[in-house]
Amino acid sequence: MRQVTSLPVGVGFGISQPEQAAWIAGFADAVIIGSAIARQVEDGGADAAPARVAGFLGTVRQAMRAAAPARAG
């Protein structure tokens, strides 16, 4: 993709685990997570959905930050 465009590259197919997001972040400018977030909303009651989504995204963020030094080096 980088050979044909100077636009940022985002990847968002099949990313459902924090480890997958960390790996994709190693070569993409954006990691797009849709269905996994929708599953977090659907699993359980609506009142707890924001906390479930926040917890899931927290684990994704941690995985991406942990992988960042490996990508930079």
C-alpha atoms as a PDB file:
ATOM      1  CA  MET A   1       0.000   0.000   0.000  1.00  0.00           C
ATOM      2  CA  ARG A   2       2.764   2.429   0.853  1.00  0.00           C
ATOM      3  CA  GLN A   3       4.112   2.131  -2.688  1.00  0.00           C
ATOM      4  CA  VAL A   4       0.871   3.415  -4.203  1.00  0.00           C
ATOM      5  CA  THR A   5      -0.266   6.069  -1.733  1.00  0.00           C
ATOM      6  CA  SER A   6       1.073   8.546   0.765  1.00  0.00           C
ATOM      7  CA  LEU A   7      -2.173   8.376   2.740  1.00  0.00           C
ATOM      8  CA  PRO A   8      -2.227   6.708   6.165  1.00  0.00           C
ATOM      9  CA  VAL A   9      -2.870   2.973   6.056  1.00  0.00           C
ATOM     10  CA  GLY A  10      -5.484   1.465   8.365  1.00  0.00           C
ATOM     11  CA  VAL A  11      -6.158  -2.231   8.814  1.00  0.00           C
ATOM     12  CA  GLY A  12      -9.360  -3.536  10.281  1.00  0.00           C
ATOM     13  CA  PHE A  13     -10.315  -7.008   9.142  1.00  0.00           C
ATOM     14  CA  GLY A  14     -10.540  -9.725  11.753  1.00  0.00           C
ATOM     15  CA  ILE A  15      -8.877  -7.886  14.611  1.00  0.00           C
ATOM     16  CA  SER A  16     -10.435  -9.261  17.764  1.00  0.00           C
ATOM     17  CA  GLN A  17      -7.519  -9.822  20.142  1.00  0.00           C
ATOM     18  CA  PRO A  18      -5.103  -7.332  21.714  1.00  0.00           C
ATOM     19  CA  GLU A  19      -2.144  -9.296  20.329  1.00  0.00           C
ATOM     20  CA  GLN A  20      -3.495  -8.943  16.799  1.00  0.00           C
ATOM     21  CA  ALA A  21      -3.870  -5.186  17.238  1.00  0.00           C
ATOM     22  CA  ALA A  22      -0.297  -4.918  18.499  1.00  0.00           C
ATOM     23  CA  TRP A  23       1.028  -6.867  15.513  1.00  0.00           C
ATOM     24  CA  ILE A  24      -0.948  -4.796  12.989  1.00  0.00           C
ATOM     25  CA  ALA A  25       0.206  -1.567  14.624  1.00  0.00           C
ATOM     26  CA  GLY A  26       3.729  -2.609  13.685  1.00  0.00           C
ATOM     27  CA  PHE A  27       3.080  -1.833  10.023  1.00  0.00           C
ATOM     28  CA  ALA A  28      -0.186   0.127   9.818  1.00  0.00           C
ATOM     29  CA  ASP A  29      -0.932   3.710  10.803  1.00  0.00           C
ATOM     30  CA  ALA A  30      -4.298   2.761  12.267  1.00  0.00           C
ATOM     31  CA  VAL A  31      -5.849  -0.331  13.817  1.00  0.00           C
ATOM     32  CA  ILE A  32      -9.593  -0.512  13.250  1.00  0.00           C
ATOM     33  CA  ILE A  33     -11.612  -2.666  15.628  1.00  0.00           C
ATOM     34  CA  GLY A  34     -15.328  -2.911  14.931  1.00  0.00           C
ATOM     35  CA  SER A  35     -16.906  -6.324  15.390  1.00  0.00           C
ATOM     36  CA  ALA A  36     -14.976  -7.081  18.581  1.00  0.00           C
ATOM     37  CA  ILE A  37     -16.305  -3.884  20.136  1.00  0.00           C
ATOM     38  CA  ALA A  38     -19.827  -4.722  18.976  1.00  0.00           C
ATOM     39  CA  ARG A  39     -19.491  -8.131  20.677  1.00  0.00           C
ATOM     40  CA  GLN A  40     -18.457  -6.396  23.900  1.00  0.00           C
ATOM     41  CA  VAL A  41     -21.624  -4.286  23.719  1.00  0.00           C
ATOM     42  CA  GLU A  42     -23.821  -7.296  22.968  1.00  0.00           C
ATOM     43  CA  ASP A  43     -22.361  -9.536  25.709  1.00  0.00           C
ATOM     44  CA  GLY A  44     -24.382  -8.849  28.826  1.00  0.00           C
ATOM     45  CA  GLY A  45     -26.531  -5.972  29.931  1.00  0.00           C
ATOM     46  CA  ALA A  46     -26.539  -2.531  28.384  1.00  0.00           C
ATOM     47  CA  ASP A  47     -25.640  -0.841  31.671  1.00  0.00           C
ATOM     48  CA  ALA A  48     -22.305  -2.660  31.834  1.00  0.00           C
ATOM     49  CA  ALA A  49     -21.463  -2.258  28.118  1.00  0.00           C
ATOM     50  CA  PRO A  50     -19.377   0.934  28.508  1.00  0.00           C
ATOM     51  CA  ALA A  51     -17.213  -0.693  31.166  1.00  0.00           C
ATOM     52  CA  ARG A  52     -16.768  -3.855  29.055  1.00  0.00           C
ATOM     53  CA  VAL A  53     -15.737  -1.815  26.011  1.00  0.00           C
ATOM     54  CA  ALA A  54     -13.373   0.317  28.092  1.00  0.00           C
ATOM     55  CA  GLY A  55     -11.798  -2.772  29.620  1.00  0.00           C
ATOM     56  CA  PHE A  56     -11.349  -4.424  26.226  1.00  0.00           C
ATOM     57  CA  LEU A  57      -9.823  -1.301  24.699  1.00  0.00           C
ATOM     58  CA  GLY A  58      -7.561  -0.965  27.727  1.00  0.00           C
ATOM     59  CA  THR A  59      -6.101  -4.401  27.005  1.00  0.00           C
ATOM     60  CA  VAL A  60      -5.682  -3.473  23.341  1.00  0.00           C
ATOM     61  CA  ARG A  61      -3.902  -0.251  24.293  1.00  0.00           C
ATOM     62  CA  GLN A  62      -1.594  -2.119  26.707  1.00  0.00           C
ATOM     63  CA  ALA A  63      -0.667  -4.668  24.050  1.00  0.00           C
ATOM     64  CA  MET A  64       0.068  -1.960  21.504  1.00  0.00           C
ATOM     65  CA  ARG A  65       2.181   0.032  23.957  1.00  0.00           C
ATOM     66  CA  ALA A  66       4.105  -3.101  24.965  1.00  0.00           C
ATOM     67  CA  ALA A  67       4.874  -3.809  21.308  1.00  0.00           C
ATOM     68  CA  ALA A  68       5.882  -0.206  20.534  1.00  0.00           C
ATOM     69  CA  PRO A  69       9.561  -0.523  21.671  1.00  0.00           C
ATOM     70  CA  ALA A  70       9.980  -3.588  19.471  1.00  0.00           C
ATOM     71  CA  ARG A  71       8.620  -1.681  16.466  1.00  0.00           C
ATOM     72  CA  ALA A  72      10.794   1.369  17.093  1.00  0.00           C
ATOM     73  CA  GLY A  73      13.998  -0.641  17.432  1.00  0.00           C
END
